[in-house]
């Protein structure tokens, strides 16, 4: 008897987008569906300590960078940093 198959983290992450999905989850799903090899970068953005608005901004910057040569937002850490609120002075 074989053991039950476990879903990989990529499979869990790229599951069907439902009506209750946030806008950032929809974009993340689109990116991973088109570029499966980018799942670790997308996961890093989605798991960053950001609120939904920040995640949406970061994942949007990342997605938009994919078609641009040498765009610094292709690095998920740069996209996350750009999405963080500016420190209060």
C-alpha atoms as a PDB file:
ATOM      1  CA  UNK A   1       0.000   0.000   0.000  1.00  0.00           C
ATOM      2  CA  UNK A   2       1.417   3.365  -0.982  1.00  0.00           C
ATOM      3  CA  UNK A   3       1.411   6.407   1.223  1.00  0.00           C
ATOM      4  CA  UNK A   4      -0.886   9.299   0.317  1.00  0.00           C
ATOM      5  CA  UNK A   5       0.624  11.932  -1.948  1.00  0.00           C
ATOM      6  CA  UNK A   6       1.338  15.240  -0.305  1.00  0.00           C
ATOM      7  CA  UNK A   7       0.834  18.462  -2.171  1.00  0.00           C
ATOM      8  CA  UNK A   8       3.974  20.474  -2.650  1.00  0.00           C
ATOM      9  CA  UNK A   9       4.108  24.062  -1.415  1.00  0.00           C
ATOM     10  CA  UNK A  10       4.024  25.197  -5.039  1.00  0.00           C
ATOM     11  CA  UNK A  11       0.828  23.229  -5.659  1.00  0.00           C
ATOM     12  CA  UNK A  12      -0.749  24.703  -2.529  1.00  0.00           C
ATOM     13  CA  UNK A  13       0.247  28.188  -3.567  1.00  0.00           C
ATOM     14  CA  UNK A  14      -0.920  27.917  -7.155  1.00  0.00           C
ATOM     15  CA  UNK A  15      -4.309  26.480  -6.301  1.00  0.00           C
ATOM     16  CA  UNK A  16      -7.480  27.814  -7.857  1.00  0.00           C
ATOM     17  CA  UNK A  17      -8.165  31.474  -7.154  1.00  0.00           C
ATOM     18  CA  UNK A  18     -11.568  31.827  -5.537  1.00  0.00           C
ATOM     19  CA  UNK A  19     -14.036  34.627  -4.975  1.00  0.00           C
ATOM     20  CA  UNK A  20     -12.512  35.269  -1.556  1.00  0.00           C
ATOM     21  CA  UNK A  21      -8.979  35.744  -2.940  1.00  0.00           C
ATOM     22  CA  UNK A  22      -7.324  39.081  -2.336  1.00  0.00           C
ATOM     23  CA  UNK A  23      -6.080  41.154  -5.278  1.00  0.00           C
ATOM     24  CA  UNK A  24      -2.488  40.287  -4.374  1.00  0.00           C
ATOM     25  CA  UNK A  25      -3.338  36.554  -4.375  1.00  0.00           C
ATOM     26  CA  UNK A  26      -4.872  36.884  -7.831  1.00  0.00           C
ATOM     27  CA  UNK A  27      -1.712  38.513  -9.224  1.00  0.00           C
ATOM     28  CA  UNK A  28       0.526  36.003  -7.434  1.00  0.00           C
ATOM     29  CA  UNK A  29      -1.467  33.162  -8.949  1.00  0.00           C
ATOM     30  CA  UNK A  30      -1.179  34.697 -12.426  1.00  0.00           C
ATOM     31  CA  UNK A  31       2.601  35.073 -12.103  1.00  0.00           C
ATOM     32  CA  UNK A  32       3.160  31.531 -10.849  1.00  0.00           C
ATOM     33  CA  UNK A  33       0.808  30.085 -13.457  1.00  0.00           C
ATOM     34  CA  UNK A  34       2.783  31.781 -16.202  1.00  0.00           C
ATOM     35  CA  UNK A  35       6.252  31.379 -14.654  1.00  0.00           C
ATOM     36  CA  UNK A  36       6.258  28.323 -12.380  1.00  0.00           C
ATOM     37  CA  UNK A  37       9.980  28.738 -11.644  1.00  0.00           C
ATOM     38  CA  UNK A  38       9.243  32.063  -9.933  1.00  0.00           C
ATOM     39  CA  UNK A  39       7.136  30.451  -7.195  1.00  0.00           C
ATOM     40  CA  UNK A  40       9.863  30.920  -4.523  1.00  0.00           C
ATOM     41  CA  UNK A  41      10.130  34.643  -5.302  1.00  0.00           C
ATOM     42  CA  UNK A  42       6.359  35.077  -5.312  1.00  0.00           C
ATOM     43  CA  UNK A  43       6.100  33.151  -2.047  1.00  0.00           C
ATOM     44  CA  UNK A  44       8.736  35.425  -0.477  1.00  0.00           C
ATOM     45  CA  UNK A  45       6.664  38.476  -1.398  1.00  0.00           C
ATOM     46  CA  UNK A  46       3.382  36.960  -0.257  1.00  0.00           C
ATOM     47  CA  UNK A  47       4.846  35.876   3.088  1.00  0.00           C
ATOM     48  CA  UNK A  48       6.578  39.194   3.775  1.00  0.00           C
ATOM     49  CA  UNK A  49       5.478  41.209   6.776  1.00  0.00           C
ATOM     50  CA  UNK A  50       3.225  43.527   4.748  1.00  0.00           C
ATOM     51  CA  UNK A  51      -0.445  44.360   4.903  1.00  0.00           C
ATOM     52  CA  UNK A  52      -2.630  43.609   1.874  1.00  0.00           C
ATOM     53  CA  UNK A  53      -1.965  47.015   0.297  1.00  0.00           C
ATOM     54  CA  UNK A  54       1.787  46.471   0.664  1.00  0.00           C
ATOM     55  CA  UNK A  55       1.618  42.930  -0.731  1.00  0.00           C
ATOM     56  CA  UNK A  56      -0.427  44.160  -3.681  1.00  0.00           C
ATOM     57  CA  UNK A  57       2.115  46.900  -4.360  1.00  0.00           C
ATOM     58  CA  UNK A  58       5.095  44.536  -4.052  1.00  0.00           C
ATOM     59  CA  UNK A  59       3.633  41.749  -6.196  1.00  0.00           C
ATOM     60  CA  UNK A  60       2.551  44.315  -8.797  1.00  0.00           C
ATOM     61  CA  UNK A  61       6.067  45.782  -8.944  1.00  0.00           C
ATOM     62  CA  UNK A  62       7.502  42.280  -9.272  1.00  0.00           C
ATOM     63  CA  UNK A  63       5.023  41.272 -12.004  1.00  0.00           C
ATOM     64  CA  UNK A  64       5.623  44.463 -13.974  1.00  0.00           C
ATOM     65  CA  UNK A  65       9.394  43.958 -13.793  1.00  0.00           C
ATOM     66  CA  UNK A  66       9.250  40.603 -15.544  1.00  0.00           C
ATOM     67  CA  UNK A  67       9.067  42.179 -18.992  1.00  0.00           C
ATOM     68  CA  UNK A  68      11.707  44.827 -18.375  1.00  0.00           C
ATOM     69  CA  UNK A  69      15.409  44.166 -18.751  1.00  0.00           C
ATOM     70  CA  UNK A  70      17.489  44.873 -15.634  1.00  0.00           C
ATOM     71  CA  UNK A  71      14.527  46.115 -13.584  1.00  0.00           C
ATOM     72  CA  UNK A  72      15.601  46.132  -9.901  1.00  0.00           C
ATOM     73  CA  UNK A  73      12.083  45.103  -8.836  1.00  0.00           C
ATOM     74  CA  UNK A  74      12.770  41.669 -10.353  1.00  0.00           C
ATOM     75  CA  UNK A  75      14.492  40.958  -7.045  1.00  0.00           C
ATOM     76  CA  UNK A  76      11.651  40.191  -4.603  1.00  0.00           C
ATOM     77  CA  UNK A  77      13.545  41.847  -1.730  1.00  0.00           C
ATOM     78  CA  UNK A  78      13.607  45.123  -3.688  1.00  0.00           C
ATOM     79  CA  UNK A  79       9.884  44.887  -4.409  1.00  0.00           C
ATOM     80  CA  UNK A  80       9.172  44.205  -0.733  1.00  0.00           C
ATOM     81  CA  UNK A  81      11.374  47.111   0.333  1.00  0.00           C
ATOM     82  CA  UNK A  82       9.639  49.466  -2.091  1.00  0.00           C
ATOM     83  CA  UNK A  83       6.270  48.415  -0.696  1.00  0.00           C
ATOM     84  CA  UNK A  84       7.156  49.103   2.939  1.00  0.00           C
ATOM     85  CA  UNK A  85       5.906  52.376   4.378  1.00  0.00           C
ATOM     86  CA  UNK A  86       8.504  55.102   4.747  1.00  0.00           C
ATOM     87  CA  UNK A  87       9.757  55.414   8.333  1.00  0.00           C
ATOM     88  CA  UNK A  88       8.201  58.241  10.314  1.00  0.00           C
ATOM     89  CA  UNK A  89      10.511  61.163  10.920  1.00  0.00           C
END
